[in-house]
Structures are given as C-alpha cells and as structure tokens.
Amino acid sequence: ELLRRGYHVTVGKNQDKEIDFVCDKRGEKLYIQVSDDISSDKTFEREISPLLSIGDAYPKMILARTHHEATDRDGVQIVDLARWLCGEA
C-alpha cells in the first residue's frame, strides 16, 4: 500500500530498535510501526519506543486494529489500520 501511495520504503534501525517502515516521498519521511493489537501496555510501549527515540521532526505513526478515531501520543499518531487503508486517516 505504501508503494502504491508513492513512497520508497525501507526498514529502519535506531540504536537497537527496529522501525517497521521508513517511508520517503520526495524527500519527506514518514516512520510507521504496525501492530495487530496494541491494547496491552507492554505491546504499546514496544511499538512506540522506537518512534519516540527518533530525533527528527518527521511524522511518526502506529497503525493497528484500534477500531477508534486517530489519536496522538507524544507526537506519534495512533491510527486504525482499516481506516488508514480506506483513506479515512
């Protein structure tokens, strides 16, 4: 889907943490973590911590099956995967 939207996509690494997708479109970056379920605190922290450790100001996002409207936590967007795929987020 990211390729279809025109992004060049790679996997990232920041210190010892992996970032699922580092997306680039015309010099603008977007960092994305993807998780099936982030309802447990342990899983949520595992997914958000690599994004919070990035020192730049490019957008950061977690895509998961939340079944909720998009929210924000410390500058990281938390977006329902189905809504994102449908272009609603």
N, C-alpha and C. Protein backbone atom coordinates (compact mmCIF):
# COMPACT_ATOMS: atom_id res chain seq x y z
N GLU A 1 0.82 -1.20 0.00
CA GLU A 1 0.00 0.00 0.00
C GLU A 1 0.87 1.26 0.00
N LEU A 2 1.94 1.23 0.76
CA LEU A 2 2.84 2.40 0.80
C LEU A 2 3.47 2.65 -0.56
N LEU A 3 3.86 1.59 -1.24
CA LEU A 3 4.42 1.74 -2.59
C LEU A 3 3.38 2.32 -3.53
N ARG A 4 2.15 1.85 -3.43
CA ARG A 4 1.07 2.36 -4.27
C ARG A 4 0.84 3.85 -4.02
N ARG A 5 1.06 4.28 -2.80
CA ARG A 5 0.89 5.70 -2.45
C ARG A 5 2.12 6.54 -2.81
N GLY A 6 3.09 5.92 -3.46
CA GLY A 6 4.23 6.66 -3.98
C GLY A 6 5.44 6.77 -3.08
N TYR A 7 5.49 5.98 -2.02
CA TYR A 7 6.62 6.03 -1.11
C TYR A 7 7.71 5.05 -1.53
N HIS A 8 8.94 5.41 -1.27
CA HIS A 8 10.07 4.48 -1.29
C HIS A 8 10.16 3.98 0.15
N VAL A 9 10.17 2.65 0.35
CA VAL A 9 10.04 2.09 1.69
C VAL A 9 11.26 1.23 2.04
N THR A 10 11.79 1.46 3.24
CA THR A 10 12.86 0.64 3.78
C THR A 10 12.53 0.30 5.23
N VAL A 11 13.31 -0.61 5.81
CA VAL A 11 13.22 -0.92 7.23
C VAL A 11 14.28 -0.10 7.92
N GLY A 12 13.95 0.43 9.09
CA GLY A 12 14.90 1.28 9.80
C GLY A 12 15.38 0.66 11.08
N LYS A 13 16.47 1.19 11.57
CA LYS A 13 17.02 0.76 12.85
C LYS A 13 17.53 2.00 13.56
N ASN A 14 17.14 2.18 14.80
CA ASN A 14 17.60 3.29 15.63
C ASN A 14 18.10 2.68 16.93
N GLN A 15 19.41 2.75 17.13
CA GLN A 15 20.07 2.08 18.24
C GLN A 15 19.79 0.58 18.10
N ASP A 16 19.16 -0.05 19.07
CA ASP A 16 18.87 -1.48 18.98
C ASP A 16 17.40 -1.74 18.65
N LYS A 17 16.66 -0.72 18.24
CA LYS A 17 15.23 -0.85 17.98
C LYS A 17 14.94 -0.77 16.49
N GLU A 18 14.08 -1.67 16.02
CA GLU A 18 13.71 -1.68 14.61
C GLU A 18 12.47 -0.83 14.37
N ILE A 19 12.48 -0.13 13.26
CA ILE A 19 11.33 0.65 12.81
C ILE A 19 10.79 -0.07 11.59
N ASP A 20 9.52 -0.46 11.65
CA ASP A 20 8.94 -1.31 10.60
C ASP A 20 9.10 -0.71 9.21
N PHE A 21 8.70 0.55 9.04
CA PHE A 21 8.76 1.18 7.73
C PHE A 21 9.28 2.60 7.83
N VAL A 22 10.32 2.89 7.08
CA VAL A 22 10.80 4.25 6.90
C VAL A 22 10.42 4.60 5.47
N CYS A 23 9.51 5.54 5.33
CA CYS A 23 8.93 5.87 4.03
C CYS A 23 9.44 7.23 3.58
N ASP A 24 9.76 7.34 2.31
CA ASP A 24 10.27 8.59 1.76
C ASP A 24 9.51 8.89 0.47
N LYS A 25 9.01 10.11 0.38
CA LYS A 25 8.36 10.59 -0.84
C LYS A 25 8.85 12.01 -1.08
N ARG A 26 9.65 12.15 -2.13
CA ARG A 26 10.19 13.47 -2.50
C ARG A 26 10.89 14.17 -1.33
N GLY A 27 11.69 13.39 -0.59
CA GLY A 27 12.48 13.98 0.49
C GLY A 27 11.77 14.13 1.82
N GLU A 28 10.50 13.83 1.87
CA GLU A 28 9.75 13.88 3.13
C GLU A 28 9.64 12.46 3.69
N LYS A 29 9.99 12.30 4.96
CA LYS A 29 9.96 10.99 5.60
C LYS A 29 8.69 10.80 6.41
N LEU A 30 8.35 9.53 6.59
CA LEU A 30 7.26 9.10 7.46
C LEU A 30 7.71 7.79 8.08
N TYR A 31 7.64 7.70 9.41
CA TYR A 31 8.02 6.48 10.12
C TYR A 31 6.75 5.77 10.57
N ILE A 32 6.68 4.45 10.32
CA ILE A 32 5.47 3.69 10.65
C ILE A 32 5.84 2.41 11.38
N GLN A 33 5.13 2.17 12.48
CA GLN A 33 5.13 0.89 13.17
C GLN A 33 3.77 0.27 12.93
N VAL A 34 3.73 -1.05 12.74
CA VAL A 34 2.47 -1.76 12.52
C VAL A 34 2.34 -2.86 13.54
N SER A 35 1.16 -2.95 14.15
CA SER A 35 0.90 -3.99 15.14
C SER A 35 -0.56 -4.41 15.05
N ASP A 36 -0.80 -5.69 15.26
CA ASP A 36 -2.17 -6.18 15.22
C ASP A 36 -2.98 -5.62 16.39
N ASP A 37 -2.42 -5.67 17.58
CA ASP A 37 -3.16 -5.29 18.79
C ASP A 37 -2.22 -4.56 19.74
N ILE A 38 -2.53 -3.32 20.05
CA ILE A 38 -1.70 -2.54 20.98
C ILE A 38 -2.43 -2.25 22.28
N SER A 39 -3.41 -3.09 22.62
CA SER A 39 -4.20 -2.84 23.82
C SER A 39 -3.42 -3.10 25.11
N SER A 40 -2.43 -3.96 25.08
CA SER A 40 -1.63 -4.17 26.29
C SER A 40 -0.54 -3.10 26.37
N ASP A 41 -0.26 -2.66 27.59
CA ASP A 41 0.76 -1.62 27.79
C ASP A 41 2.12 -2.07 27.28
N LYS A 42 2.45 -3.34 27.48
CA LYS A 42 3.76 -3.87 27.06
C LYS A 42 3.90 -3.78 25.53
N THR A 43 2.89 -4.19 24.80
CA THR A 43 2.94 -4.14 23.34
C THR A 43 2.97 -2.70 22.85
N PHE A 44 2.14 -1.84 23.45
CA PHE A 44 2.12 -0.44 23.04
C PHE A 44 3.49 0.21 23.24
N GLU A 45 4.11 -0.02 24.38
CA GLU A 45 5.43 0.55 24.65
C GLU A 45 6.48 0.01 23.68
N ARG A 46 6.38 -1.28 23.34
CA ARG A 46 7.32 -1.87 22.39
C ARG A 46 7.20 -1.20 21.02
N GLU A 47 5.99 -0.85 20.62
CA GLU A 47 5.77 -0.23 19.31
C GLU A 47 6.09 1.25 19.29
N ILE A 48 5.80 1.97 20.37
CA ILE A 48 6.01 3.41 20.35
C ILE A 48 7.46 3.81 20.67
N SER A 49 8.17 3.01 21.46
CA SER A 49 9.51 3.42 21.89
C SER A 49 10.49 3.65 20.74
N PRO A 50 10.52 2.83 19.66
CA PRO A 50 11.43 3.15 18.57
C PRO A 50 11.12 4.49 17.91
N LEU A 51 9.83 4.81 17.82
CA LEU A 51 9.44 6.08 17.20
C LEU A 51 9.82 7.27 18.07
N LEU A 52 9.65 7.13 19.37
CA LEU A 52 9.98 8.23 20.29
C LEU A 52 11.49 8.47 20.37
N SER A 53 12.27 7.46 20.01
CA SER A 53 13.73 7.62 20.09
C SER A 53 14.31 8.31 18.85
N ILE A 54 13.50 8.58 17.84
CA ILE A 54 13.96 9.25 16.64
C ILE A 54 14.03 10.75 16.93
N GLY A 55 15.14 11.36 16.59
CA GLY A 55 15.37 12.75 16.95
C GLY A 55 14.91 13.79 15.95
N ASP A 56 14.32 13.39 14.84
CA ASP A 56 13.89 14.41 13.88
C ASP A 56 12.40 14.72 14.04
N ALA A 57 11.91 15.64 13.25
CA ALA A 57 10.53 16.11 13.39
C ALA A 57 9.58 15.54 12.32
N TYR A 58 10.04 14.52 11.57
CA TYR A 58 9.15 13.93 10.57
C TYR A 58 8.02 13.18 11.26
N PRO A 59 6.88 13.03 10.58
CA PRO A 59 5.73 12.35 11.19
C PRO A 59 6.04 10.90 11.55
N LYS A 60 5.42 10.48 12.65
CA LYS A 60 5.57 9.12 13.15
C LYS A 60 4.17 8.56 13.41
N MET A 61 3.98 7.27 13.09
CA MET A 61 2.64 6.71 13.15
C MET A 61 2.68 5.24 13.58
N ILE A 62 1.69 4.84 14.36
CA ILE A 62 1.45 3.43 14.66
C ILE A 62 0.13 3.07 13.98
N LEU A 63 0.17 2.04 13.15
CA LEU A 63 -1.04 1.51 12.52
C LEU A 63 -1.40 0.22 13.24
N ALA A 64 -2.62 0.13 13.73
CA ALA A 64 -3.07 -1.05 14.47
C ALA A 64 -4.58 -1.17 14.35
N ARG A 65 -5.09 -2.33 14.72
CA ARG A 65 -6.55 -2.50 14.74
C ARG A 65 -7.09 -1.93 16.05
N THR A 66 -7.32 -0.63 16.06
CA THR A 66 -7.81 0.03 17.27
C THR A 66 -9.33 0.16 17.29
N HIS A 67 -9.94 0.25 16.11
CA HIS A 67 -11.38 0.47 15.98
C HIS A 67 -11.81 1.82 16.59
N HIS A 68 -10.88 2.78 16.64
CA HIS A 68 -11.16 4.11 17.19
C HIS A 68 -10.70 5.18 16.20
N GLU A 69 -11.12 6.39 16.46
CA GLU A 69 -10.61 7.53 15.71
C GLU A 69 -9.12 7.68 15.99
N ALA A 70 -8.42 8.35 15.10
CA ALA A 70 -6.99 8.58 15.29
C ALA A 70 -6.75 9.41 16.55
N THR A 71 -5.68 9.07 17.25
CA THR A 71 -5.27 9.82 18.44
C THR A 71 -3.78 10.14 18.32
N ASP A 72 -3.27 10.84 19.30
CA ASP A 72 -1.88 11.24 19.30
C ASP A 72 -1.30 10.98 20.68
N ARG A 73 -0.10 10.42 20.71
CA ARG A 73 0.60 10.22 21.99
C ARG A 73 2.03 10.70 21.82
N ASP A 74 2.37 11.76 22.48
CA ASP A 74 3.72 12.33 22.44
C ASP A 74 4.19 12.59 21.00
N GLY A 75 3.28 13.04 20.16
CA GLY A 75 3.63 13.36 18.78
C GLY A 75 3.54 12.20 17.82
N VAL A 76 3.18 11.01 18.30
CA VAL A 76 3.02 9.84 17.44
C VAL A 76 1.53 9.62 17.21
N GLN A 77 1.14 9.58 15.94
CA GLN A 77 -0.26 9.32 15.61
C GLN A 77 -0.55 7.84 15.80
N ILE A 78 -1.67 7.52 16.44
CA ILE A 78 -2.15 6.15 16.57
C ILE A 78 -3.38 6.07 15.67
N VAL A 79 -3.31 5.24 14.62
CA VAL A 79 -4.33 5.23 13.58
C VAL A 79 -4.84 3.81 13.37
N ASP A 80 -6.16 3.68 13.27
CA ASP A 80 -6.77 2.39 12.98
C ASP A 80 -6.38 1.96 11.57
N LEU A 81 -5.88 0.75 11.44
CA LEU A 81 -5.37 0.27 10.16
C LEU A 81 -6.44 0.26 9.08
N ALA A 82 -7.64 -0.20 9.39
CA ALA A 82 -8.71 -0.24 8.37
C ALA A 82 -9.06 1.15 7.88
N ARG A 83 -9.13 2.10 8.78
CA ARG A 83 -9.43 3.49 8.38
C ARG A 83 -8.32 4.05 7.50
N TRP A 84 -7.08 3.75 7.84
CA TRP A 84 -5.94 4.23 7.06
C TRP A 84 -5.96 3.63 5.66
N LEU A 85 -6.24 2.33 5.57
CA LEU A 85 -6.29 1.67 4.28
C LEU A 85 -7.40 2.23 3.39
N CYS A 86 -8.50 2.65 4.02
CA CYS A 86 -9.62 3.24 3.28
C CYS A 86 -9.41 4.72 3.00
N GLY A 87 -8.31 5.29 3.46
CA GLY A 87 -8.02 6.69 3.22
C GLY A 87 -8.74 7.65 4.14
N GLU A 88 -9.27 7.13 5.25
CA GLU A 88 -10.03 7.97 6.18
C GLU A 88 -9.12 8.65 7.20
N ALA A 89 -7.87 8.23 7.31
CA ALA A 89 -6.97 8.82 8.32
C ALA A 89 -5.73 9.37 7.67
